[in-house]
N, C-alpha and C. Protein backbone atom coordinates (compact mmCIF):
# COMPACT_ATOMS: atom_id res chain seq x y z
N MET A 1 17.75 212.08 -94.92
CA MET A 1 16.72 211.54 -94.05
C MET A 1 15.36 211.70 -94.74
N SER A 2 14.57 210.66 -94.74
CA SER A 2 13.26 210.68 -95.39
C SER A 2 12.29 211.57 -94.61
N GLU A 3 11.23 211.99 -95.28
CA GLU A 3 10.18 212.78 -94.61
C GLU A 3 9.58 211.99 -93.46
N ALA A 4 9.41 210.68 -93.67
CA ALA A 4 8.85 209.83 -92.61
C ALA A 4 9.76 209.83 -91.38
N GLU A 5 11.06 209.73 -91.60
CA GLU A 5 11.99 209.73 -90.47
C GLU A 5 12.03 211.10 -89.79
N LYS A 6 11.85 212.17 -90.55
CA LYS A 6 11.77 213.51 -89.95
C LYS A 6 10.55 213.61 -89.05
N LYS A 7 9.42 213.03 -89.50
CA LYS A 7 8.22 213.05 -88.67
C LYS A 7 8.43 212.24 -87.39
N LEU A 8 9.09 211.09 -87.53
CA LEU A 8 9.40 210.30 -86.33
C LEU A 8 10.25 211.12 -85.37
N GLN A 9 11.25 211.79 -85.90
CA GLN A 9 12.14 212.61 -85.07
C GLN A 9 11.36 213.71 -84.35
N GLN A 10 10.42 214.35 -85.06
CA GLN A 10 9.58 215.38 -84.46
C GLN A 10 8.71 214.82 -83.33
N MET A 11 8.39 213.52 -83.43
CA MET A 11 7.59 212.85 -82.40
C MET A 11 8.46 212.34 -81.26
N GLY A 12 9.78 212.56 -81.36
CA GLY A 12 10.71 212.08 -80.33
C GLY A 12 11.02 210.61 -80.48
N LEU A 13 10.82 210.06 -81.68
CA LEU A 13 11.06 208.65 -81.95
C LEU A 13 12.13 208.48 -83.02
N SER A 14 12.70 207.30 -83.08
CA SER A 14 13.63 206.96 -84.15
C SER A 14 13.45 205.49 -84.49
N LEU A 15 13.86 205.14 -85.69
CA LEU A 15 13.76 203.74 -86.10
C LEU A 15 14.77 202.91 -85.31
N PRO A 16 14.34 201.78 -84.78
CA PRO A 16 15.28 200.91 -84.08
C PRO A 16 16.13 200.13 -85.09
N VAL A 17 17.13 199.45 -84.60
CA VAL A 17 17.87 198.51 -85.43
C VAL A 17 16.86 197.42 -85.82
N PRO A 18 16.78 197.08 -87.11
CA PRO A 18 15.79 196.07 -87.51
C PRO A 18 15.96 194.78 -86.72
N PRO A 19 14.85 194.27 -86.19
CA PRO A 19 14.94 193.02 -85.43
C PRO A 19 15.30 191.85 -86.32
N LYS A 20 16.06 190.92 -85.79
CA LYS A 20 16.45 189.73 -86.53
C LYS A 20 15.33 188.70 -86.47
N PRO A 21 15.16 187.92 -87.55
CA PRO A 21 14.18 186.83 -87.50
C PRO A 21 14.53 185.85 -86.38
N VAL A 22 13.50 185.29 -85.76
CA VAL A 22 13.72 184.35 -84.66
C VAL A 22 13.57 182.90 -85.10
N ALA A 23 13.33 182.69 -86.40
CA ALA A 23 13.18 181.33 -86.93
C ALA A 23 13.57 181.36 -88.41
N ASN A 24 13.14 180.37 -89.17
CA ASN A 24 13.53 180.22 -90.56
C ASN A 24 12.59 181.01 -91.49
N TYR A 25 12.78 182.33 -91.53
CA TYR A 25 12.02 183.20 -92.42
C TYR A 25 12.82 184.47 -92.64
N VAL A 26 12.37 185.30 -93.55
CA VAL A 26 13.01 186.60 -93.78
C VAL A 26 12.05 187.69 -93.32
N PRO A 27 12.58 188.84 -92.93
CA PRO A 27 11.73 189.93 -92.42
C PRO A 27 10.79 190.52 -93.47
N ALA A 28 11.20 190.47 -94.74
CA ALA A 28 10.39 191.09 -95.79
C ALA A 28 10.61 190.36 -97.11
N VAL A 29 9.54 190.30 -97.89
CA VAL A 29 9.61 189.74 -99.24
C VAL A 29 8.95 190.75 -100.17
N ARG A 30 9.68 191.12 -101.21
CA ARG A 30 9.13 192.05 -102.20
C ARG A 30 8.70 191.26 -103.42
N SER A 31 7.48 191.53 -103.88
CA SER A 31 6.95 190.93 -105.09
C SER A 31 6.35 192.06 -105.91
N GLY A 32 7.06 192.47 -106.95
CA GLY A 32 6.63 193.63 -107.73
C GLY A 32 6.67 194.87 -106.87
N THR A 33 5.53 195.53 -106.75
CA THR A 33 5.49 196.76 -105.94
C THR A 33 4.95 196.52 -104.54
N LEU A 34 4.73 195.25 -104.18
CA LEU A 34 4.25 194.93 -102.84
C LEU A 34 5.38 194.38 -101.98
N VAL A 35 5.41 194.83 -100.73
CA VAL A 35 6.35 194.29 -99.75
C VAL A 35 5.51 193.65 -98.65
N PHE A 36 5.76 192.36 -98.42
CA PHE A 36 5.08 191.60 -97.37
C PHE A 36 6.03 191.54 -96.19
N LEU A 37 5.62 192.14 -95.08
CA LEU A 37 6.47 192.20 -93.89
C LEU A 37 6.03 191.15 -92.89
N ALA A 38 6.99 190.33 -92.45
CA ALA A 38 6.72 189.30 -91.45
C ALA A 38 6.31 189.96 -90.14
N GLY A 39 5.59 189.21 -89.34
CA GLY A 39 5.15 189.72 -88.05
C GLY A 39 6.32 190.04 -87.14
N VAL A 40 6.18 191.14 -86.42
CA VAL A 40 7.18 191.54 -85.42
C VAL A 40 6.49 191.76 -84.09
N GLY A 41 7.27 191.61 -83.04
CA GLY A 41 6.77 191.85 -81.70
C GLY A 41 7.16 193.22 -81.19
N PRO A 42 6.73 193.52 -79.97
CA PRO A 42 7.00 194.83 -79.37
C PRO A 42 8.37 194.86 -78.70
N ARG A 43 9.40 194.90 -79.53
CA ARG A 43 10.78 194.93 -79.03
C ARG A 43 11.15 196.35 -78.65
N LYS A 44 11.61 196.52 -77.42
CA LYS A 44 12.04 197.83 -76.90
C LYS A 44 13.48 198.11 -77.34
N ALA A 45 13.92 199.34 -77.11
CA ALA A 45 15.27 199.76 -77.48
C ALA A 45 16.34 198.89 -76.84
N ASP A 46 16.09 198.38 -75.64
CA ASP A 46 17.09 197.54 -74.96
C ASP A 46 17.06 196.08 -75.44
N GLY A 47 16.19 195.78 -76.40
CA GLY A 47 16.11 194.43 -76.96
C GLY A 47 15.08 193.53 -76.28
N SER A 48 14.54 193.95 -75.17
CA SER A 48 13.54 193.13 -74.48
C SER A 48 12.18 193.30 -75.15
N LEU A 49 11.31 192.34 -74.91
CA LEU A 49 9.95 192.37 -75.46
C LEU A 49 8.95 192.75 -74.39
N MET A 50 7.91 193.48 -74.76
CA MET A 50 6.77 193.68 -73.87
C MET A 50 5.97 192.38 -73.89
N THR A 51 5.82 191.79 -72.74
CA THR A 51 5.13 190.52 -72.66
C THR A 51 3.89 190.63 -71.78
N GLY A 52 3.04 189.64 -71.88
CA GLY A 52 1.86 189.58 -71.03
C GLY A 52 0.58 189.47 -71.84
N LYS A 53 -0.46 189.14 -71.14
CA LYS A 53 -1.78 188.95 -71.73
C LYS A 53 -2.63 190.18 -71.46
N LEU A 54 -3.23 190.73 -72.54
CA LEU A 54 -4.13 191.86 -72.41
C LEU A 54 -5.39 191.40 -71.70
N GLY A 55 -5.85 192.21 -70.77
CA GLY A 55 -7.03 191.88 -70.00
C GLY A 55 -6.73 191.06 -68.75
N ARG A 56 -5.48 190.66 -68.60
CA ARG A 56 -5.06 189.96 -67.38
C ARG A 56 -3.83 190.64 -66.78
N ASP A 57 -2.76 190.72 -67.57
CA ASP A 57 -1.50 191.31 -67.10
C ASP A 57 -1.33 192.77 -67.52
N LEU A 58 -1.94 193.13 -68.62
CA LEU A 58 -1.73 194.45 -69.21
C LEU A 58 -3.05 195.14 -69.50
N ALA A 59 -3.05 196.47 -69.35
CA ALA A 59 -4.21 197.29 -69.69
C ALA A 59 -4.15 197.67 -71.17
N VAL A 60 -5.26 198.16 -71.69
CA VAL A 60 -5.34 198.56 -73.10
C VAL A 60 -4.22 199.55 -73.44
N GLU A 61 -3.95 200.51 -72.55
CA GLU A 61 -2.93 201.53 -72.83
C GLU A 61 -1.55 200.90 -72.99
N GLN A 62 -1.24 199.88 -72.20
CA GLN A 62 0.04 199.18 -72.34
C GLN A 62 0.08 198.39 -73.64
N GLY A 63 -1.04 197.80 -74.00
CA GLY A 63 -1.12 197.09 -75.28
C GLY A 63 -0.96 198.04 -76.45
N TYR A 64 -1.55 199.23 -76.34
CA TYR A 64 -1.41 200.25 -77.38
C TYR A 64 0.07 200.59 -77.58
N GLU A 65 0.79 200.76 -76.48
CA GLU A 65 2.23 201.06 -76.57
C GLU A 65 2.98 199.88 -77.19
N ALA A 66 2.59 198.66 -76.85
CA ALA A 66 3.23 197.48 -77.45
C ALA A 66 3.01 197.46 -78.95
N ALA A 67 1.79 197.75 -79.40
CA ALA A 67 1.51 197.78 -80.83
C ALA A 67 2.28 198.90 -81.52
N ARG A 68 2.44 200.02 -80.84
CA ARG A 68 3.23 201.13 -81.39
C ARG A 68 4.68 200.70 -81.61
N LEU A 69 5.22 199.96 -80.64
CA LEU A 69 6.58 199.43 -80.82
C LEU A 69 6.65 198.49 -82.02
N CYS A 70 5.61 197.67 -82.19
CA CYS A 70 5.56 196.80 -83.37
C CYS A 70 5.61 197.63 -84.65
N GLY A 71 4.86 198.73 -84.68
CA GLY A 71 4.86 199.60 -85.84
C GLY A 71 6.23 200.17 -86.14
N LEU A 72 6.95 200.58 -85.11
CA LEU A 72 8.32 201.07 -85.31
C LEU A 72 9.22 199.98 -85.88
N ASN A 73 9.10 198.76 -85.36
CA ASN A 73 9.92 197.67 -85.85
C ASN A 73 9.57 197.29 -87.28
N LEU A 74 8.29 197.38 -87.64
CA LEU A 74 7.90 197.13 -89.03
C LEU A 74 8.50 198.19 -89.95
N LEU A 75 8.45 199.46 -89.54
CA LEU A 75 9.04 200.52 -90.36
C LEU A 75 10.55 200.31 -90.52
N ALA A 76 11.21 199.85 -89.47
CA ALA A 76 12.65 199.57 -89.57
C ALA A 76 12.91 198.46 -90.58
N ASN A 77 12.11 197.40 -90.54
CA ASN A 77 12.28 196.31 -91.51
C ASN A 77 11.96 196.78 -92.92
N LEU A 78 10.93 197.62 -93.06
CA LEU A 78 10.57 198.14 -94.37
C LEU A 78 11.70 199.00 -94.94
N LYS A 79 12.26 199.87 -94.12
CA LYS A 79 13.37 200.70 -94.60
C LYS A 79 14.55 199.83 -95.01
N GLN A 80 14.82 198.80 -94.25
CA GLN A 80 15.92 197.89 -94.60
C GLN A 80 15.67 197.25 -95.97
N GLU A 81 14.43 196.96 -96.28
CA GLU A 81 14.09 196.31 -97.55
C GLU A 81 14.10 197.27 -98.73
N ILE A 82 13.56 198.49 -98.55
CA ILE A 82 13.39 199.40 -99.70
C ILE A 82 14.36 200.58 -99.69
N GLY A 83 15.08 200.79 -98.59
CA GLY A 83 16.11 201.81 -98.53
C GLY A 83 15.65 203.20 -98.13
N ASP A 84 14.40 203.56 -98.42
CA ASP A 84 13.92 204.92 -98.16
C ASP A 84 12.41 204.86 -97.95
N LEU A 85 11.94 205.27 -96.78
CA LEU A 85 10.51 205.21 -96.49
C LEU A 85 9.68 206.16 -97.36
N ASP A 86 10.32 207.10 -98.02
CA ASP A 86 9.58 207.98 -98.93
C ASP A 86 9.14 207.24 -100.19
N LYS A 87 9.59 206.01 -100.39
CA LYS A 87 9.15 205.18 -101.52
C LYS A 87 7.81 204.52 -101.25
N VAL A 88 7.28 204.66 -100.04
CA VAL A 88 6.00 204.04 -99.71
C VAL A 88 4.89 204.76 -100.47
N ARG A 89 4.08 203.97 -101.20
CA ARG A 89 2.90 204.51 -101.86
C ARG A 89 1.68 204.40 -100.96
N ARG A 90 1.60 203.25 -100.25
CA ARG A 90 0.42 203.00 -99.42
C ARG A 90 0.65 201.80 -98.54
N VAL A 91 0.28 201.91 -97.28
CA VAL A 91 0.17 200.72 -96.44
C VAL A 91 -1.16 200.10 -96.83
N VAL A 92 -1.11 198.86 -97.30
CA VAL A 92 -2.30 198.22 -97.86
C VAL A 92 -3.10 197.49 -96.78
N LYS A 93 -2.43 196.65 -96.00
CA LYS A 93 -3.13 195.78 -95.05
C LYS A 93 -2.26 195.53 -93.84
N MET A 94 -2.90 195.50 -92.68
CA MET A 94 -2.21 195.18 -91.43
C MET A 94 -3.00 194.08 -90.72
N LEU A 95 -2.27 193.20 -90.09
CA LEU A 95 -2.87 192.19 -89.21
C LEU A 95 -2.23 192.36 -87.84
N GLY A 96 -3.06 192.65 -86.85
CA GLY A 96 -2.59 192.77 -85.47
C GLY A 96 -3.12 191.62 -84.65
N MET A 97 -2.21 190.91 -84.00
CA MET A 97 -2.57 189.76 -83.16
C MET A 97 -2.26 190.13 -81.72
N VAL A 98 -3.26 190.00 -80.86
CA VAL A 98 -3.15 190.45 -79.47
C VAL A 98 -3.24 189.23 -78.55
N ASN A 99 -2.25 189.07 -77.69
CA ASN A 99 -2.23 188.01 -76.69
C ASN A 99 -3.31 188.36 -75.67
N SER A 100 -4.44 187.65 -75.72
CA SER A 100 -5.64 188.09 -75.00
C SER A 100 -6.13 187.09 -73.97
N ALA A 101 -6.57 187.63 -72.83
CA ALA A 101 -7.31 186.83 -71.86
C ALA A 101 -8.63 186.42 -72.52
N PRO A 102 -9.23 185.31 -72.08
CA PRO A 102 -10.44 184.81 -72.75
C PRO A 102 -11.58 185.82 -72.89
N ASP A 103 -11.73 186.73 -71.94
CA ASP A 103 -12.85 187.67 -72.00
C ASP A 103 -12.44 189.06 -72.50
N PHE A 104 -11.22 189.20 -73.02
CA PHE A 104 -10.75 190.50 -73.50
C PHE A 104 -11.29 190.74 -74.91
N GLY A 105 -11.87 191.91 -75.15
CA GLY A 105 -12.45 192.20 -76.45
C GLY A 105 -12.04 193.51 -77.06
N ASP A 106 -11.01 194.15 -76.53
CA ASP A 106 -10.58 195.46 -77.04
C ASP A 106 -9.36 195.37 -77.96
N GLN A 107 -9.23 194.30 -78.72
CA GLN A 107 -8.10 194.16 -79.64
C GLN A 107 -7.98 195.35 -80.59
N PRO A 108 -9.08 195.87 -81.15
CA PRO A 108 -8.94 197.03 -82.04
C PRO A 108 -8.30 198.24 -81.37
N LYS A 109 -8.64 198.50 -80.10
CA LYS A 109 -8.05 199.63 -79.38
C LYS A 109 -6.55 199.42 -79.19
N VAL A 110 -6.13 198.18 -78.97
CA VAL A 110 -4.71 197.87 -78.80
C VAL A 110 -3.97 198.09 -80.12
N VAL A 111 -4.47 197.52 -81.20
CA VAL A 111 -3.79 197.59 -82.49
C VAL A 111 -3.77 199.00 -83.05
N ASN A 112 -4.65 199.87 -82.54
CA ASN A 112 -4.58 201.29 -82.93
C ASN A 112 -3.20 201.88 -82.66
N GLY A 113 -2.46 201.33 -81.72
CA GLY A 113 -1.11 201.82 -81.45
C GLY A 113 -0.23 201.79 -82.70
N ALA A 114 -0.32 200.72 -83.47
CA ALA A 114 0.44 200.62 -84.72
C ALA A 114 -0.21 201.47 -85.81
N SER A 115 -1.53 201.39 -85.92
CA SER A 115 -2.23 202.15 -86.97
C SER A 115 -2.04 203.65 -86.80
N ASP A 116 -2.20 204.14 -85.58
CA ASP A 116 -2.03 205.58 -85.34
C ASP A 116 -0.62 206.04 -85.67
N LEU A 117 0.37 205.21 -85.34
CA LEU A 117 1.76 205.56 -85.65
C LEU A 117 1.95 205.68 -87.17
N LEU A 118 1.45 204.71 -87.93
CA LEU A 118 1.63 204.75 -89.38
C LEU A 118 0.98 205.97 -90.00
N VAL A 119 -0.20 206.34 -89.54
CA VAL A 119 -0.86 207.52 -90.08
C VAL A 119 -0.11 208.79 -89.67
N ALA A 120 0.39 208.85 -88.45
CA ALA A 120 1.15 210.02 -88.00
C ALA A 120 2.43 210.19 -88.81
N VAL A 121 3.06 209.08 -89.16
CA VAL A 121 4.36 209.13 -89.86
C VAL A 121 4.19 209.25 -91.37
N LEU A 122 3.21 208.55 -91.93
CA LEU A 122 3.07 208.48 -93.39
C LEU A 122 1.88 209.26 -93.93
N GLY A 123 1.09 209.85 -93.07
CA GLY A 123 -0.09 210.58 -93.52
C GLY A 123 -1.09 209.65 -94.17
N GLU A 124 -1.76 210.12 -95.22
CA GLU A 124 -2.78 209.30 -95.89
C GLU A 124 -2.23 208.00 -96.43
N LYS A 125 -0.94 207.97 -96.78
CA LYS A 125 -0.31 206.73 -97.25
C LYS A 125 -0.31 205.65 -96.18
N GLY A 126 -0.45 206.06 -94.93
CA GLY A 126 -0.42 205.12 -93.82
C GLY A 126 -1.77 204.52 -93.49
N ARG A 127 -2.86 205.03 -94.09
CA ARG A 127 -4.19 204.47 -93.84
C ARG A 127 -4.28 203.11 -94.53
N HIS A 128 -4.88 202.15 -93.85
CA HIS A 128 -4.82 200.77 -94.33
C HIS A 128 -6.06 199.98 -93.93
N ALA A 129 -6.27 198.89 -94.65
CA ALA A 129 -7.25 197.90 -94.20
C ALA A 129 -6.59 197.14 -93.06
N ARG A 130 -7.42 196.57 -92.15
CA ARG A 130 -6.82 195.96 -90.97
C ARG A 130 -7.70 194.91 -90.35
N SER A 131 -7.05 193.93 -89.75
CA SER A 131 -7.71 192.98 -88.86
C SER A 131 -7.00 193.05 -87.52
N ALA A 132 -7.77 192.99 -86.45
CA ALA A 132 -7.21 192.98 -85.09
C ALA A 132 -7.87 191.81 -84.38
N VAL A 133 -7.09 190.79 -84.06
CA VAL A 133 -7.66 189.57 -83.52
C VAL A 133 -6.99 189.18 -82.20
N GLY A 134 -7.72 188.44 -81.40
CA GLY A 134 -7.19 187.94 -80.14
C GLY A 134 -6.61 186.55 -80.33
N MET A 135 -5.53 186.27 -79.64
CA MET A 135 -4.85 184.98 -79.69
C MET A 135 -4.72 184.43 -78.28
N ALA A 136 -4.76 183.11 -78.16
CA ALA A 136 -4.58 182.47 -76.86
C ALA A 136 -3.15 182.63 -76.37
N ALA A 137 -2.19 182.70 -77.30
CA ALA A 137 -0.78 182.87 -76.94
C ALA A 137 -0.04 183.41 -78.15
N LEU A 138 1.09 184.07 -77.89
CA LEU A 138 1.99 184.52 -78.94
C LEU A 138 3.41 184.08 -78.58
N PRO A 139 4.31 183.98 -79.56
CA PRO A 139 5.68 183.54 -79.27
C PRO A 139 6.33 184.36 -78.15
N PHE A 140 7.04 183.69 -77.29
CA PHE A 140 7.80 184.31 -76.19
C PHE A 140 6.90 185.06 -75.20
N GLY A 141 5.61 184.84 -75.27
CA GLY A 141 4.69 185.52 -74.37
C GLY A 141 4.47 186.99 -74.70
N MET A 142 4.92 187.41 -75.92
CA MET A 142 4.80 188.83 -76.24
C MET A 142 3.34 189.25 -76.30
N ALA A 143 3.12 190.52 -75.99
CA ALA A 143 1.77 191.06 -75.86
C ALA A 143 1.06 191.21 -77.21
N VAL A 144 1.80 191.59 -78.24
CA VAL A 144 1.22 191.90 -79.55
C VAL A 144 2.21 191.47 -80.63
N GLU A 145 1.67 191.06 -81.77
CA GLU A 145 2.47 190.82 -82.97
C GLU A 145 1.71 191.47 -84.13
N VAL A 146 2.44 192.17 -84.99
CA VAL A 146 1.81 192.86 -86.12
C VAL A 146 2.59 192.56 -87.39
N GLU A 147 1.86 192.33 -88.47
CA GLU A 147 2.46 192.18 -89.80
C GLU A 147 1.73 193.11 -90.75
N MET A 148 2.35 193.42 -91.91
CA MET A 148 1.66 194.29 -92.86
C MET A 148 2.16 194.08 -94.28
N ILE A 149 1.35 194.59 -95.21
CA ILE A 149 1.65 194.59 -96.63
C ILE A 149 1.68 196.05 -97.08
N VAL A 150 2.73 196.41 -97.82
CA VAL A 150 2.93 197.80 -98.21
C VAL A 150 3.17 197.88 -99.72
N GLU A 151 2.54 198.82 -100.37
CA GLU A 151 2.83 199.09 -101.78
C GLU A 151 3.92 200.16 -101.83
N VAL A 152 4.93 199.93 -102.68
CA VAL A 152 6.04 200.85 -102.81
C VAL A 152 6.26 201.23 -104.26
N GLU A 153 7.04 202.25 -104.47
CA GLU A 153 7.38 202.66 -105.85
C GLU A 153 8.08 201.52 -106.56
N GLY A 154 7.81 201.39 -107.86
CA GLY A 154 8.44 200.33 -108.65
C GLY A 154 9.86 200.62 -108.88
């Protein structure tokens, strides 16, 4: 078990089964030492998605939890691609997309759910550049979608 997975276990969390792509794409593409991870939604352990619009249907705290689920699903896809999360050198960039009501402006607070998880699990390697943006809609009505780029051992 990797150090990252031990930290998840200490937090009472575990990696989910990697989510399957919902269209014609792959979950991850490796190019040299970079892994580009496709966007994932907030899929729960039972397979359902957290859905709704932030600022209308969901509060910031619920959005934070949705982004945290996205972070877990990204780590599951990353492990599937590289085999061992201890091979992570650095999370380079994250893009968090938040299904937002027109007047909602707390996207950064929502996407912190994924960012905080990565730092808790990976330490300094989990610190990353980031964009957190509002969207009029996301696939399947999901609350949040997150993608990221990770540098790994060669």
